[in-house]
C-alpha atoms as a PDB file:
ATOM      1  CA  MET A   1       0.059   0.086   0.089  1.00  0.00           C
ATOM      2  CA  LYS A   2       1.308   3.233  -0.985  1.00  0.00           C
ATOM      3  CA  ARG A   3       1.523   5.894   1.843  1.00  0.00           C
ATOM      4  CA  GLN A   4       0.060   9.370   1.545  1.00  0.00           C
ATOM      5  CA  ALA A   5       2.727  12.219   1.340  1.00  0.00           C
ATOM      6  CA  THR A   6       1.130  13.813   4.395  1.00  0.00           C
ATOM      7  CA  GLU A   7       2.880  10.853   6.289  1.00  0.00           C
ATOM      8  CA  TYR A   8       6.165  11.449   5.108  1.00  0.00           C
ATOM      9  CA  VAL A   9       9.013  12.512   7.345  1.00  0.00           C
ATOM     10  CA  THR A  10      11.621  14.847   6.077  1.00  0.00           C
ATOM     11  CA  LEU A  11      15.119  15.156   7.892  1.00  0.00           C
ATOM     12  CA  VAL A  12      16.765  18.396   6.864  1.00  0.00           C
ATOM     13  CA  GLU A  13      20.406  19.056   7.970  1.00  0.00           C
ATOM     14  CA  ALA A  14      23.115  22.008   7.567  1.00  0.00           C
ATOM     15  CA  LEU A  15      26.376  20.428   7.972  1.00  0.00           C
ATOM     16  CA  GLU A  16      29.903  22.055   7.963  1.00  0.00           C
ATOM     17  CA  VAL A  17      32.430  20.225   5.839  1.00  0.00           C
ATOM     18  CA  THR A  18      35.690  19.582   7.880  1.00  0.00           C
ATOM     19  CA  MET A  19      37.902  17.929   5.179  1.00  0.00           C
ATOM     20  CA  PRO A  20      38.450  18.977   1.525  1.00  0.00           C
ATOM     21  CA  PHE A  21      35.295  18.916  -0.343  1.00  0.00           C
ATOM     22  CA  GLU A  22      36.364  16.034  -2.715  1.00  0.00           C
ATOM     23  CA  GLU A  23      36.791  13.696   0.363  1.00  0.00           C
ATOM     24  CA  PHE A  24      33.215  14.674   1.314  1.00  0.00           C
ATOM     25  CA  GLN A  25      31.877  13.757  -1.924  1.00  0.00           C
ATOM     26  CA  ARG A  26      33.507  10.517  -2.173  1.00  0.00           C
ATOM     27  CA  ALA A  27      32.256   9.539   1.444  1.00  0.00           C
ATOM     28  CA  ILE A  28      28.685  10.561   0.530  1.00  0.00           C
ATOM     29  CA  ASP A  29      28.734   8.816  -2.596  1.00  0.00           C
ATOM     30  CA  ALA A  30      29.910   5.590  -0.968  1.00  0.00           C
ATOM     31  CA  VAL A  31      26.903   5.954   1.500  1.00  0.00           C
ATOM     32  CA  ALA A  32      24.542   6.688  -1.219  1.00  0.00           C
ATOM     33  CA  ASP A  33      25.651   3.502  -3.368  1.00  0.00           C
ATOM     34  CA  ARG A  34      25.242   1.401  -0.279  1.00  0.00           C
ATOM     35  CA  LEU A  35      21.788   2.862   0.420  1.00  0.00           C
ATOM     36  CA  GLU A  36      20.723   1.990  -3.142  1.00  0.00           C
ATOM     37  CA  THR A  37      21.452  -1.702  -2.476  1.00  0.00           C
ATOM     38  CA  GLU A  38      20.881  -2.123   1.255  1.00  0.00           C
ATOM     39  CA  GLY A  39      18.794   0.870   2.423  1.00  0.00           C
ATOM     40  CA  VAL A  40      15.464   0.734   3.902  1.00  0.00           C
ATOM     41  CA  ARG A  41      12.609   0.656   1.428  1.00  0.00           C
ATOM     42  CA  GLY A  42      10.894   3.647   3.094  1.00  0.00           C
ATOM     43  CA  LEU A  43      13.760   6.079   2.212  1.00  0.00           C
ATOM     44  CA  VAL A  44      11.859   8.058  -0.506  1.00  0.00           C
ATOM     45  CA  SER A  45      14.583  10.619  -1.437  1.00  0.00           C
ATOM     46  CA  LEU A  46      18.177  11.466  -0.484  1.00  0.00           C
ATOM     47  CA  ASN A  47      19.588  14.882  -1.739  1.00  0.00           C
ATOM     48  CA  PHE A  48      22.786  16.740  -0.681  1.00  0.00           C
ATOM     49  CA  TYR A  49      23.433  20.356  -1.740  1.00  0.00           C
ATOM     50  CA  GLY A  50      26.799  21.770  -1.859  1.00  0.00           C
ATOM     51  CA  GLU A  51      29.631  22.910  -4.074  1.00  0.00           C
ATOM     52  CA  SER A  52      33.622  22.491  -4.204  1.00  0.00           C
ATOM     53  CA  GLY A  53      35.161  25.294  -2.211  1.00  0.00           C
ATOM     54  CA  SER A  54      32.229  25.774   0.208  1.00  0.00           C
ATOM     55  CA  ASN A  55      32.604  24.533   3.668  1.00  0.00           C
ATOM     56  CA  GLU A  56      28.678  24.119   4.121  1.00  0.00           C
ATOM     57  CA  VAL A  57      26.324  21.294   2.608  1.00  0.00           C
ATOM     58  CA  GLY A  58      22.830  20.628   3.009  1.00  0.00           C
ATOM     59  CA  ALA A  59      21.153  17.431   3.443  1.00  0.00           C
ATOM     60  CA  ILE A  60      17.341  16.530   2.782  1.00  0.00           C
ATOM     61  CA  LEU A  61      16.129  12.847   3.399  1.00  0.00           C
ATOM     62  CA  THR A  62      12.486  12.141   3.034  1.00  0.00           C
ATOM     63  CA  PHE A  63      11.090   8.821   4.471  1.00  0.00           C
ATOM     64  CA  SER A  64       7.587   7.230   3.886  1.00  0.00           C
ATOM     65  CA  ASP A  65       7.012   7.196   7.838  1.00  0.00           C
ATOM     66  CA  SER A  66       8.719   7.863  10.998  1.00  0.00           C
ATOM     67  CA  GLU A  67       9.221   3.975  11.550  1.00  0.00           C
ATOM     68  CA  SER A  68      11.366   3.916   8.348  1.00  0.00           C
ATOM     69  CA  MET A  69      13.401   6.840   9.404  1.00  0.00           C
ATOM     70  CA  LEU A  70      14.215   5.120  12.851  1.00  0.00           C
ATOM     71  CA  LYS A  71      15.025   1.820  11.059  1.00  0.00           C
ATOM     72  CA  HIS A  72      17.269   3.831   8.628  1.00  0.00           C
ATOM     73  CA  MET A  73      19.055   5.520  11.557  1.00  0.00           C
ATOM     74  CA  ASP A  74      19.648   2.197  13.414  1.00  0.00           C
ATOM     75  CA  MET A  75      20.982   0.430  10.225  1.00  0.00           C
ATOM     76  CA  VAL A  76      23.378   2.974   8.846  1.00  0.00           C
ATOM     77  CA  THR A  77      25.039   3.874  12.081  1.00  0.00           C
ATOM     78  CA  SER A  78      26.842   0.557  11.994  1.00  0.00           C
ATOM     79  CA  TRP A  79      28.313   1.086   8.569  1.00  0.00           C
ATOM     80  CA  LYS A  80      31.814   1.988   7.728  1.00  0.00           C
ATOM     81  CA  GLU A  81      30.746   4.255   4.775  1.00  0.00           C
ATOM     82  CA  TYR A  82      28.658   6.209   7.317  1.00  0.00           C
ATOM     83  CA  GLU A  83      31.384   6.472   9.855  1.00  0.00           C
ATOM     84  CA  THR A  84      33.687   7.816   7.050  1.00  0.00           C
ATOM     85  CA  PHE A  85      31.051  10.220   6.103  1.00  0.00           C
ATOM     86  CA  PHE A  86      30.728  11.691   9.481  1.00  0.00           C
ATOM     87  CA  ASP A  87      34.446  12.113   9.641  1.00  0.00           C
ATOM     88  CA  THR A  88      34.072  14.584   7.032  1.00  0.00           C
ATOM     89  CA  VAL A  89      31.426  16.934   8.484  1.00  0.00           C
ATOM     90  CA  LYS A  90      30.190  18.297  12.001  1.00  0.00           C
END
């Protein structure tokens, strides 16, 4: 059953990049690749906004419901790719 958009949960984050932008880009690409194959089904969209030379990036993740968001957080926190990503931002 498809959920209504009114049930969606959106996570919005503003992050400071603490490494060269290229390292951040590689880290987020690795997380996104793994999410495509192993991520929760309830992750509706994943978007990062930033540009080389900037020390700020934005992230918007949309989930079909709060349960999917919590499941996602529990899952990715054990991933090496996620740890590497969080080493590039604060």
